[in-house]
Structures are given as C-alpha cells and as structure tokens.
Amino acid sequence: MNTIIRKQISIHPEVMDLLNKQIAMEMHASAAYLAMASWCDQRELLNSKELFYKQAEEEREHAMKFFTFINDNGGAAISPSIDSVNNDFESLKAIYEKSLDQEIAVSDSIKKIFKKARTEDDFVTEVFLQWFITEQAEEEDKFRSIIDIFDLMEGMPLKMIDERIPTE
C-alpha cells in the first residue's frame, strides 16, 4: 500500500494568517517601488530609477521567502491581489519619504507577526523572522540616509541630488 504523508503544519494557524497578509504587503511594496522607478525613469533620475527597480525585486524576493516558508512548513500560502498602487508623485523627496513610511509599516507588521509567534510558541516562525527584522532595520536606515541627502543639498538641482543617491 502506498501512502502519501503530508507534512504536518508547524506554523500556528493565526500566525499563518499574518504571514499571508505579509506576503500581500511585500507584493504591494514591490508594485509601489515599480511605480516609483517608472516615475524616476521618466525624469532621467538614473540612480533613483536603479535603486527603486532593485527595491521592487527585493520586495518580491521577500514575498517569495514568506510564501515558500509557509508551504514548506505545511501551511497554505495565498497568492495576493495587488490594488491601488499610486503612480503619481509630487517630488523625488516625497517618493523617498513614502518609501521610508512603507518600510516602517513593513517593519511594524513583521514585529507583530514575531510577537504573535512568540505568544503561540511558534518557534519555527520566530527564528525565520529574525532575518527580516535585521533586514528591515537596514532598509529604514538606508531611506533615512537618503532623505538626509535631500536636507543637506536643499536648493541644489534635482539631477545633482540624484547623483548622490547610492544605488546599493
């Protein structure tokens, strides 16, 4: 007799729901960064364009890490729909401020999942999330540093400011 044994779920169901919401948040962030990259591309802001295309891909990679983590641990990852992505921005600085706000929201969401995993003794998820917590601190710092460039170079031509923005 052949028996297929499905991996037993090791993620707490409420934590899995939060992880699926995180996938949607990461994919929305990816789409938002694509919109920002396009805005920059249309204005020949080459460093910002490159940075936002990379950010879009990075957010998609994060979503895929959550997706595969859920499935690899016996859960059911859900492919999200993406809606209401802003494609119109008032300025490059406003884009970077929006990016920082977005990264802070992602950080807060991951910390919420971490706390829930801890209260539910979901150690597998807690360990998995530690990398994301560190990653988010780095992302927030990157955008804060870029916003500092705008403050330091206030009044300078936008192309000059863009040239100072690191693409890594």
N, C-alpha and C. Protein backbone atom coordinates (compact mmCIF):
# COMPACT_ATOMS: atom_id res chain seq x y z
N MET A 1 0.84 -1.18 0.00
CA MET A 1 0.00 0.00 0.00
C MET A 1 0.89 1.25 0.00
N ASN A 2 0.62 2.14 -0.92
CA ASN A 2 1.35 3.40 -0.99
C ASN A 2 0.58 4.47 -0.23
N THR A 3 1.28 5.14 0.64
CA THR A 3 0.65 6.19 1.43
C THR A 3 1.44 7.47 1.24
N ILE A 4 0.74 8.52 0.94
CA ILE A 4 1.38 9.83 0.85
C ILE A 4 1.17 10.53 2.18
N ILE A 5 2.24 10.91 2.78
CA ILE A 5 2.15 11.58 4.08
C ILE A 5 2.42 13.06 3.85
N ARG A 6 1.43 13.86 4.15
CA ARG A 6 1.59 15.32 4.03
C ARG A 6 2.30 15.82 5.26
N LYS A 7 3.20 16.75 5.01
CA LYS A 7 3.93 17.37 6.12
C LYS A 7 2.94 17.99 7.09
N GLN A 8 3.15 17.74 8.35
CA GLN A 8 2.28 18.31 9.38
C GLN A 8 2.58 19.80 9.51
N ILE A 9 1.54 20.59 9.67
CA ILE A 9 1.73 22.03 9.79
C ILE A 9 2.47 22.35 11.09
N SER A 10 3.51 23.14 10.97
CA SER A 10 4.29 23.53 12.15
C SER A 10 4.13 25.01 12.47
N ILE A 11 3.29 25.69 11.71
CA ILE A 11 3.02 27.11 11.93
C ILE A 11 1.66 27.23 12.61
N HIS A 12 1.58 28.04 13.62
CA HIS A 12 0.28 28.27 14.28
C HIS A 12 -0.66 28.91 13.25
N PRO A 13 -1.91 28.48 13.17
CA PRO A 13 -2.85 28.99 12.16
C PRO A 13 -3.01 30.52 12.16
N GLU A 14 -3.06 31.15 13.33
CA GLU A 14 -3.19 32.61 13.38
C GLU A 14 -1.92 33.29 12.87
N VAL A 15 -0.78 32.68 13.12
CA VAL A 15 0.49 33.20 12.62
C VAL A 15 0.52 33.05 11.10
N MET A 16 0.04 31.92 10.60
CA MET A 16 -0.01 31.72 9.15
C MET A 16 -0.87 32.78 8.47
N ASP A 17 -1.98 33.14 9.09
CA ASP A 17 -2.82 34.21 8.52
C ASP A 17 -2.05 35.52 8.43
N LEU A 18 -1.30 35.83 9.47
CA LEU A 18 -0.49 37.06 9.47
C LEU A 18 0.62 36.98 8.42
N LEU A 19 1.21 35.81 8.26
CA LEU A 19 2.25 35.63 7.24
C LEU A 19 1.68 35.82 5.84
N ASN A 20 0.48 35.34 5.60
CA ASN A 20 -0.16 35.55 4.30
C ASN A 20 -0.46 37.03 4.06
N LYS A 21 -0.84 37.74 5.11
CA LYS A 21 -1.03 39.20 4.98
C LYS A 21 0.30 39.88 4.67
N GLN A 22 1.38 39.35 5.23
CA GLN A 22 2.71 39.91 4.97
C GLN A 22 3.11 39.70 3.51
N ILE A 23 2.75 38.56 2.95
CA ILE A 23 3.02 38.34 1.52
C ILE A 23 2.36 39.44 0.70
N ALA A 24 1.09 39.72 1.01
CA ALA A 24 0.37 40.77 0.28
C ALA A 24 1.04 42.13 0.46
N MET A 25 1.51 42.40 1.67
CA MET A 25 2.17 43.67 1.95
C MET A 25 3.48 43.79 1.15
N GLU A 26 4.24 42.72 1.10
CA GLU A 26 5.51 42.71 0.36
C GLU A 26 5.26 42.89 -1.14
N MET A 27 4.24 42.23 -1.66
CA MET A 27 3.94 42.36 -3.09
C MET A 27 3.41 43.75 -3.42
N HIS A 28 2.65 44.33 -2.51
CA HIS A 28 2.20 45.70 -2.73
C HIS A 28 3.40 46.65 -2.72
N ALA A 29 4.33 46.44 -1.80
CA ALA A 29 5.55 47.26 -1.75
C ALA A 29 6.34 47.13 -3.05
N SER A 30 6.42 45.91 -3.58
CA SER A 30 7.12 45.69 -4.84
C SER A 30 6.47 46.51 -5.96
N ALA A 31 5.15 46.45 -6.04
CA ALA A 31 4.43 47.20 -7.07
C ALA A 31 4.61 48.70 -6.87
N ALA A 32 4.61 49.15 -5.62
CA ALA A 32 4.81 50.58 -5.35
C ALA A 32 6.20 51.02 -5.79
N TYR A 33 7.21 50.20 -5.52
CA TYR A 33 8.57 50.54 -5.95
C TYR A 33 8.70 50.55 -7.47
N LEU A 34 7.97 49.68 -8.15
CA LEU A 34 7.97 49.73 -9.62
C LEU A 34 7.40 51.05 -10.11
N ALA A 35 6.33 51.50 -9.48
CA ALA A 35 5.74 52.79 -9.87
C ALA A 35 6.72 53.93 -9.62
N MET A 36 7.44 53.87 -8.50
CA MET A 36 8.43 54.90 -8.20
C MET A 36 9.58 54.86 -9.20
N ALA A 37 10.00 53.65 -9.58
CA ALA A 37 11.07 53.50 -10.58
C ALA A 37 10.64 54.10 -11.91
N SER A 38 9.41 53.86 -12.29
CA SER A 38 8.91 54.40 -13.55
C SER A 38 8.89 55.92 -13.53
N TRP A 39 8.42 56.49 -12.43
CA TRP A 39 8.39 57.95 -12.27
C TRP A 39 9.80 58.52 -12.44
N CYS A 40 10.77 57.89 -11.80
CA CYS A 40 12.17 58.34 -11.88
C CYS A 40 12.73 58.15 -13.28
N ASP A 41 12.39 57.04 -13.90
CA ASP A 41 12.87 56.74 -15.25
C ASP A 41 12.38 57.80 -16.24
N GLN A 42 11.14 58.22 -16.11
CA GLN A 42 10.57 59.23 -17.00
C GLN A 42 11.26 60.57 -16.86
N ARG A 43 11.93 60.79 -15.74
CA ARG A 43 12.60 62.07 -15.47
C ARG A 43 14.12 61.96 -15.53
N GLU A 44 14.59 60.81 -16.02
CA GLU A 44 16.03 60.56 -16.16
C GLU A 44 16.79 60.69 -14.84
N LEU A 45 16.16 60.29 -13.77
CA LEU A 45 16.81 60.25 -12.46
C LEU A 45 17.38 58.85 -12.30
N LEU A 46 18.57 58.66 -12.85
CA LEU A 46 19.11 57.33 -13.09
C LEU A 46 19.43 56.54 -11.82
N ASN A 47 20.02 57.20 -10.84
CA ASN A 47 20.34 56.47 -9.60
C ASN A 47 19.07 56.05 -8.87
N SER A 48 18.12 56.96 -8.80
CA SER A 48 16.87 56.63 -8.12
C SER A 48 16.12 55.55 -8.88
N LYS A 49 16.11 55.64 -10.19
CA LYS A 49 15.46 54.61 -11.02
C LYS A 49 16.07 53.25 -10.70
N GLU A 50 17.38 53.16 -10.70
CA GLU A 50 18.07 51.89 -10.44
C GLU A 50 17.76 51.37 -9.03
N LEU A 51 17.80 52.27 -8.06
CA LEU A 51 17.51 51.87 -6.68
C LEU A 51 16.10 51.31 -6.55
N PHE A 52 15.12 51.97 -7.15
CA PHE A 52 13.74 51.52 -6.99
C PHE A 52 13.44 50.24 -7.78
N TYR A 53 14.08 50.04 -8.93
CA TYR A 53 13.93 48.75 -9.61
C TYR A 53 14.50 47.63 -8.75
N LYS A 54 15.64 47.88 -8.11
CA LYS A 54 16.22 46.88 -7.21
C LYS A 54 15.31 46.64 -6.00
N GLN A 55 14.75 47.70 -5.45
CA GLN A 55 13.85 47.56 -4.30
C GLN A 55 12.62 46.73 -4.67
N ALA A 56 12.08 46.96 -5.87
CA ALA A 56 10.91 46.20 -6.32
C ALA A 56 11.23 44.72 -6.35
N GLU A 57 12.38 44.37 -6.89
CA GLU A 57 12.76 42.97 -6.96
C GLU A 57 13.02 42.39 -5.57
N GLU A 58 13.63 43.18 -4.71
CA GLU A 58 13.92 42.72 -3.35
C GLU A 58 12.63 42.43 -2.57
N GLU A 59 11.64 43.29 -2.72
CA GLU A 59 10.37 43.07 -2.03
C GLU A 59 9.67 41.81 -2.55
N ARG A 60 9.77 41.58 -3.85
CA ARG A 60 9.20 40.35 -4.42
C ARG A 60 9.92 39.14 -3.85
N GLU A 61 11.24 39.22 -3.74
CA GLU A 61 12.01 38.12 -3.14
C GLU A 61 11.58 37.87 -1.69
N HIS A 62 11.33 38.94 -0.95
CA HIS A 62 10.86 38.79 0.43
C HIS A 62 9.51 38.07 0.45
N ALA A 63 8.61 38.47 -0.43
CA ALA A 63 7.30 37.82 -0.50
C ALA A 63 7.46 36.33 -0.79
N MET A 64 8.37 36.00 -1.68
CA MET A 64 8.60 34.60 -2.03
C MET A 64 9.19 33.82 -0.86
N LYS A 65 10.02 34.46 -0.05
CA LYS A 65 10.54 33.79 1.14
C LYS A 65 9.40 33.43 2.10
N PHE A 66 8.49 34.37 2.30
CA PHE A 66 7.33 34.09 3.15
C PHE A 66 6.47 32.98 2.53
N PHE A 67 6.25 33.08 1.22
CA PHE A 67 5.42 32.12 0.51
C PHE A 67 5.96 30.70 0.66
N THR A 68 7.24 30.53 0.36
CA THR A 68 7.83 29.19 0.45
C THR A 68 7.93 28.72 1.89
N PHE A 69 8.18 29.64 2.83
CA PHE A 69 8.23 29.26 4.24
C PHE A 69 6.91 28.65 4.69
N ILE A 70 5.82 29.30 4.33
CA ILE A 70 4.50 28.79 4.72
C ILE A 70 4.29 27.39 4.14
N ASN A 71 4.50 27.25 2.84
CA ASN A 71 4.27 25.95 2.20
C ASN A 71 5.24 24.88 2.70
N ASP A 72 6.50 25.24 2.91
CA ASP A 72 7.50 24.28 3.38
C ASP A 72 7.20 23.77 4.79
N ASN A 73 6.40 24.52 5.52
CA ASN A 73 6.08 24.14 6.89
C ASN A 73 4.64 23.66 7.05
N GLY A 74 4.09 23.15 5.94
CA GLY A 74 2.79 22.51 5.98
C GLY A 74 1.60 23.43 5.90
N GLY A 75 1.83 24.71 5.71
CA GLY A 75 0.74 25.67 5.62
C GLY A 75 0.26 25.85 4.19
N ALA A 76 -0.58 26.84 3.99
CA ALA A 76 -1.12 27.15 2.67
C ALA A 76 -0.89 28.62 2.37
N ALA A 77 0.12 28.90 1.55
CA ALA A 77 0.40 30.28 1.15
C ALA A 77 -0.65 30.72 0.14
N ILE A 78 -1.02 31.98 0.22
CA ILE A 78 -2.06 32.53 -0.66
C ILE A 78 -1.45 33.62 -1.54
N SER A 79 -1.66 33.48 -2.84
CA SER A 79 -1.20 34.48 -3.79
C SER A 79 -2.11 35.70 -3.70
N PRO A 80 -1.53 36.88 -3.39
CA PRO A 80 -2.38 38.05 -3.15
C PRO A 80 -2.74 38.80 -4.43
N SER A 81 -3.81 39.56 -4.35
CA SER A 81 -4.10 40.51 -5.41
C SER A 81 -3.52 41.86 -4.97
N ILE A 82 -3.09 42.63 -5.94
CA ILE A 82 -2.48 43.94 -5.66
C ILE A 82 -3.42 45.01 -6.19
N ASP A 83 -3.79 45.94 -5.32
CA ASP A 83 -4.67 47.01 -5.77
C ASP A 83 -4.18 48.36 -5.28
N SER A 84 -4.67 49.37 -5.89
CA SER A 84 -4.45 50.78 -5.55
C SER A 84 -2.97 51.15 -5.32
N VAL A 85 -2.19 51.03 -6.38
CA VAL A 85 -0.80 51.46 -6.32
C VAL A 85 -0.74 52.88 -6.89
N ASN A 86 -0.16 53.79 -6.13
CA ASN A 86 -0.01 55.17 -6.57
C ASN A 86 1.08 55.26 -7.64
N ASN A 87 0.77 55.94 -8.73
CA ASN A 87 1.74 56.14 -9.82
C ASN A 87 2.08 57.61 -10.02
N ASP A 88 1.54 58.47 -9.18
CA ASP A 88 1.74 59.91 -9.33
C ASP A 88 2.38 60.45 -8.06
N PHE A 89 3.49 61.14 -8.21
CA PHE A 89 4.23 61.65 -7.06
C PHE A 89 4.54 63.12 -7.26
N GLU A 90 4.60 63.86 -6.14
CA GLU A 90 4.82 65.30 -6.25
C GLU A 90 6.29 65.66 -6.40
N SER A 91 7.19 64.82 -5.86
CA SER A 91 8.62 65.13 -5.94
C SER A 91 9.43 63.89 -5.61
N LEU A 92 10.70 63.95 -5.93
CA LEU A 92 11.59 62.83 -5.62
C LEU A 92 11.74 62.67 -4.10
N LYS A 93 11.85 63.76 -3.40
CA LYS A 93 11.96 63.67 -1.94
C LYS A 93 10.70 63.03 -1.36
N ALA A 94 9.54 63.37 -1.89
CA ALA A 94 8.28 62.78 -1.41
C ALA A 94 8.27 61.27 -1.66
N ILE A 95 8.87 60.83 -2.75
CA ILE A 95 8.97 59.40 -3.03
C ILE A 95 9.80 58.71 -1.96
N TYR A 96 10.92 59.32 -1.61
CA TYR A 96 11.78 58.71 -0.59
C TYR A 96 11.12 58.74 0.80
N GLU A 97 10.38 59.78 1.08
CA GLU A 97 9.64 59.83 2.35
C GLU A 97 8.56 58.75 2.38
N LYS A 98 7.87 58.55 1.26
CA LYS A 98 6.87 57.50 1.15
C LYS A 98 7.53 56.12 1.31
N SER A 99 8.72 55.97 0.73
CA SER A 99 9.46 54.71 0.85
C SER A 99 9.79 54.41 2.30
N LEU A 100 10.23 55.42 3.02
CA LEU A 100 10.55 55.22 4.44
C LEU A 100 9.29 54.83 5.21
N ASP A 101 8.19 55.53 4.96
CA ASP A 101 6.93 55.19 5.62
C ASP A 101 6.52 53.74 5.32
N GLN A 102 6.70 53.34 4.08
CA GLN A 102 6.36 51.98 3.67
C GLN A 102 7.23 50.96 4.40
N GLU A 103 8.53 51.24 4.50
CA GLU A 103 9.44 50.31 5.19
C GLU A 103 9.13 50.23 6.69
N ILE A 104 8.76 51.35 7.28
CA ILE A 104 8.38 51.34 8.70
C ILE A 104 7.13 50.49 8.90
N ALA A 105 6.15 50.61 8.00
CA ALA A 105 4.93 49.80 8.09
C ALA A 105 5.24 48.31 7.95
N VAL A 106 6.15 47.97 7.04
CA VAL A 106 6.55 46.57 6.87
C VAL A 106 7.25 46.08 8.14
N SER A 107 8.13 46.90 8.69
CA SER A 107 8.83 46.53 9.94
C SER A 107 7.83 46.27 11.06
N ASP A 108 6.88 47.17 11.20
CA ASP A 108 5.86 47.02 12.25
C ASP A 108 5.06 45.74 12.07
N SER A 109 4.73 45.43 10.83
CA SER A 109 3.97 44.22 10.54
C SER A 109 4.77 42.97 10.90
N ILE A 110 6.04 42.95 10.55
CA ILE A 110 6.89 41.80 10.86
C ILE A 110 7.05 41.64 12.37
N LYS A 111 7.20 42.74 13.07
CA LYS A 111 7.31 42.67 14.53
C LYS A 111 6.02 42.13 15.15
N LYS A 112 4.89 42.49 14.57
CA LYS A 112 3.59 41.99 15.05
C LYS A 112 3.52 40.47 14.87
N ILE A 113 3.98 39.99 13.73
CA ILE A 113 3.98 38.54 13.48
C ILE A 113 4.93 37.85 14.46
N PHE A 114 6.09 38.47 14.67
CA PHE A 114 7.08 37.91 15.59
C PHE A 114 6.49 37.77 16.99
N LYS A 115 5.82 38.82 17.46
CA LYS A 115 5.20 38.79 18.79
C LYS A 115 4.13 37.71 18.88
N LYS A 116 3.33 37.58 17.82
CA LYS A 116 2.28 36.55 17.82
C LYS A 116 2.91 35.16 17.82
N ALA A 117 3.95 34.97 17.03
CA ALA A 117 4.64 33.67 17.01
C ALA A 117 5.19 33.35 18.39
N ARG A 118 5.73 34.34 19.05
CA ARG A 118 6.28 34.13 20.39
C ARG A 118 5.19 33.74 21.38
N THR A 119 4.06 34.42 21.34
CA THR A 119 2.98 34.10 22.30
C THR A 119 2.36 32.73 22.03
N GLU A 120 2.46 32.28 20.78
CA GLU A 120 1.88 30.97 20.42
C GLU A 120 2.92 29.85 20.45
N ASP A 121 4.13 30.14 20.95
CA ASP A 121 5.23 29.17 20.96
C ASP A 121 5.51 28.60 19.57
N ASP A 122 5.38 29.44 18.56
CA ASP A 122 5.68 29.07 17.18
C ASP A 122 7.15 29.42 16.92
N PHE A 123 8.03 28.57 17.43
CA PHE A 123 9.46 28.85 17.41
C PHE A 123 10.04 28.86 15.99
N VAL A 124 9.50 28.02 15.13
CA VAL A 124 9.99 27.95 13.75
C VAL A 124 9.81 29.31 13.06
N THR A 125 8.63 29.89 13.22
CA THR A 125 8.36 31.20 12.61
C THR A 125 9.18 32.29 13.28
N GLU A 126 9.31 32.22 14.58
CA GLU A 126 10.09 33.24 15.30
C GLU A 126 11.52 33.28 14.78
N VAL A 127 12.13 32.13 14.63
CA VAL A 127 13.52 32.08 14.13
C VAL A 127 13.57 32.59 12.68
N PHE A 128 12.61 32.18 11.86
CA PHE A 128 12.54 32.61 10.47
C PHE A 128 12.48 34.14 10.36
N LEU A 129 11.73 34.78 11.23
CA LEU A 129 11.52 36.23 11.16
C LEU A 129 12.72 37.05 11.61
N GLN A 130 13.64 36.47 12.33
CA GLN A 130 14.77 37.24 12.84
C GLN A 130 15.57 37.90 11.71
N TRP A 131 15.75 37.20 10.60
CA TRP A 131 16.48 37.79 9.46
C TRP A 131 15.74 39.02 8.94
N PHE A 132 14.42 38.93 8.86
CA PHE A 132 13.63 40.05 8.35
C PHE A 132 13.70 41.26 9.26
N ILE A 133 13.76 41.04 10.55
CA ILE A 133 13.85 42.16 11.49
C ILE A 133 15.15 42.93 11.27
N THR A 134 16.24 42.22 11.10
CA THR A 134 17.52 42.86 10.81
C THR A 134 17.49 43.57 9.46
N GLU A 135 16.95 42.91 8.46
CA GLU A 135 16.84 43.46 7.11
C GLU A 135 16.04 44.76 7.12
N GLN A 136 14.94 44.78 7.84
CA GLN A 136 14.10 45.97 7.89
C GLN A 136 14.81 47.14 8.57
N ALA A 137 15.58 46.87 9.60
CA ALA A 137 16.35 47.95 10.24
C ALA A 137 17.30 48.58 9.24
N GLU A 138 17.93 47.75 8.41
CA GLU A 138 18.84 48.25 7.37
C GLU A 138 18.10 49.06 6.32
N GLU A 139 16.92 48.59 5.93
CA GLU A 139 16.13 49.31 4.92
C GLU A 139 15.70 50.68 5.43
N GLU A 140 15.21 50.73 6.65
CA GLU A 140 14.81 52.02 7.22
C GLU A 140 15.99 52.98 7.27
N ASP A 141 17.14 52.48 7.70
CA ASP A 141 18.34 53.31 7.79
C ASP A 141 18.74 53.84 6.42
N LYS A 142 18.65 53.00 5.39
CA LYS A 142 19.01 53.43 4.03
C LYS A 142 18.14 54.61 3.60
N PHE A 143 16.83 54.51 3.81
CA PHE A 143 15.96 55.60 3.36
C PHE A 143 16.11 56.85 4.22
N ARG A 144 16.38 56.70 5.49
CA ARG A 144 16.65 57.87 6.33
C ARG A 144 17.91 58.60 5.85
N SER A 145 18.93 57.84 5.49
CA SER A 145 20.18 58.43 4.99
C SER A 145 19.96 59.18 3.68
N ILE A 146 19.13 58.62 2.82
CA ILE A 146 18.85 59.28 1.54
C ILE A 146 18.06 60.57 1.78
N ILE A 147 17.11 60.55 2.66
CA ILE A 147 16.36 61.77 2.98
C ILE A 147 17.30 62.83 3.54
N ASP A 148 18.30 62.42 4.30
CA ASP A 148 19.31 63.36 4.80
C ASP A 148 20.05 64.06 3.65
N ILE A 149 20.28 63.34 2.55
CA ILE A 149 20.93 63.93 1.38
C ILE A 149 20.10 65.10 0.86
N PHE A 150 18.80 64.90 0.78
CA PHE A 150 17.92 65.99 0.32
C PHE A 150 18.01 67.19 1.25
N ASP A 151 18.03 66.93 2.55
CA ASP A 151 18.11 68.03 3.51
C ASP A 151 19.44 68.75 3.42
N LEU A 152 20.52 68.01 3.22
CA LEU A 152 21.86 68.61 3.12
C LEU A 152 22.05 69.39 1.81
N MET A 153 21.39 68.94 0.76
CA MET A 153 21.58 69.55 -0.56
C MET A 153 20.40 70.41 -0.99
N GLU A 154 19.63 70.87 -0.03
CA GLU A 154 18.45 71.67 -0.34
C GLU A 154 18.81 72.83 -1.26
N GLY A 155 18.01 73.00 -2.30
CA GLY A 155 18.24 74.08 -3.25
C GLY A 155 19.11 73.69 -4.43
N MET A 156 19.73 72.53 -4.39
CA MET A 156 20.57 72.07 -5.49
C MET A 156 19.68 71.46 -6.58
N PRO A 157 20.17 71.42 -7.83
CA PRO A 157 19.39 70.80 -8.90
C PRO A 157 19.11 69.32 -8.60
N LEU A 158 17.93 68.88 -9.00
CA LEU A 158 17.48 67.52 -8.70
C LEU A 158 18.44 66.46 -9.25
N LYS A 159 18.96 66.68 -10.43
CA LYS A 159 19.90 65.71 -11.03
C LYS A 159 21.16 65.58 -10.17
N MET A 160 21.61 66.68 -9.59
CA MET A 160 22.79 66.64 -8.72
C MET A 160 22.51 65.83 -7.46
N ILE A 161 21.32 66.01 -6.92
CA ILE A 161 20.93 65.25 -5.73
C ILE A 161 20.85 63.76 -6.10
N ASP A 162 20.21 63.46 -7.22
CA ASP A 162 20.07 62.07 -7.65
C ASP A 162 21.43 61.39 -7.81
N GLU A 163 22.42 62.12 -8.29
CA GLU A 163 23.75 61.54 -8.48
C GLU A 163 24.39 61.14 -7.15
N ARG A 164 23.95 61.73 -6.05
CA ARG A 164 24.50 61.42 -4.72
C ARG A 164 23.80 60.23 -4.04
N ILE A 165 22.72 59.80 -4.63
CA ILE A 165 21.95 58.71 -4.04
C ILE A 165 22.62 57.37 -4.36
N PRO A 166 22.94 56.61 -3.34
CA PRO A 166 23.58 55.30 -3.57
C PRO A 166 22.57 54.32 -4.15
N THR A 167 23.01 53.49 -5.09
CA THR A 167 22.12 52.53 -5.71
C THR A 167 22.17 51.17 -5.03
N GLU A 168 23.01 51.02 -4.05
CA GLU A 168 23.09 49.75 -3.31
C GLU A 168 22.43 49.85 -1.98
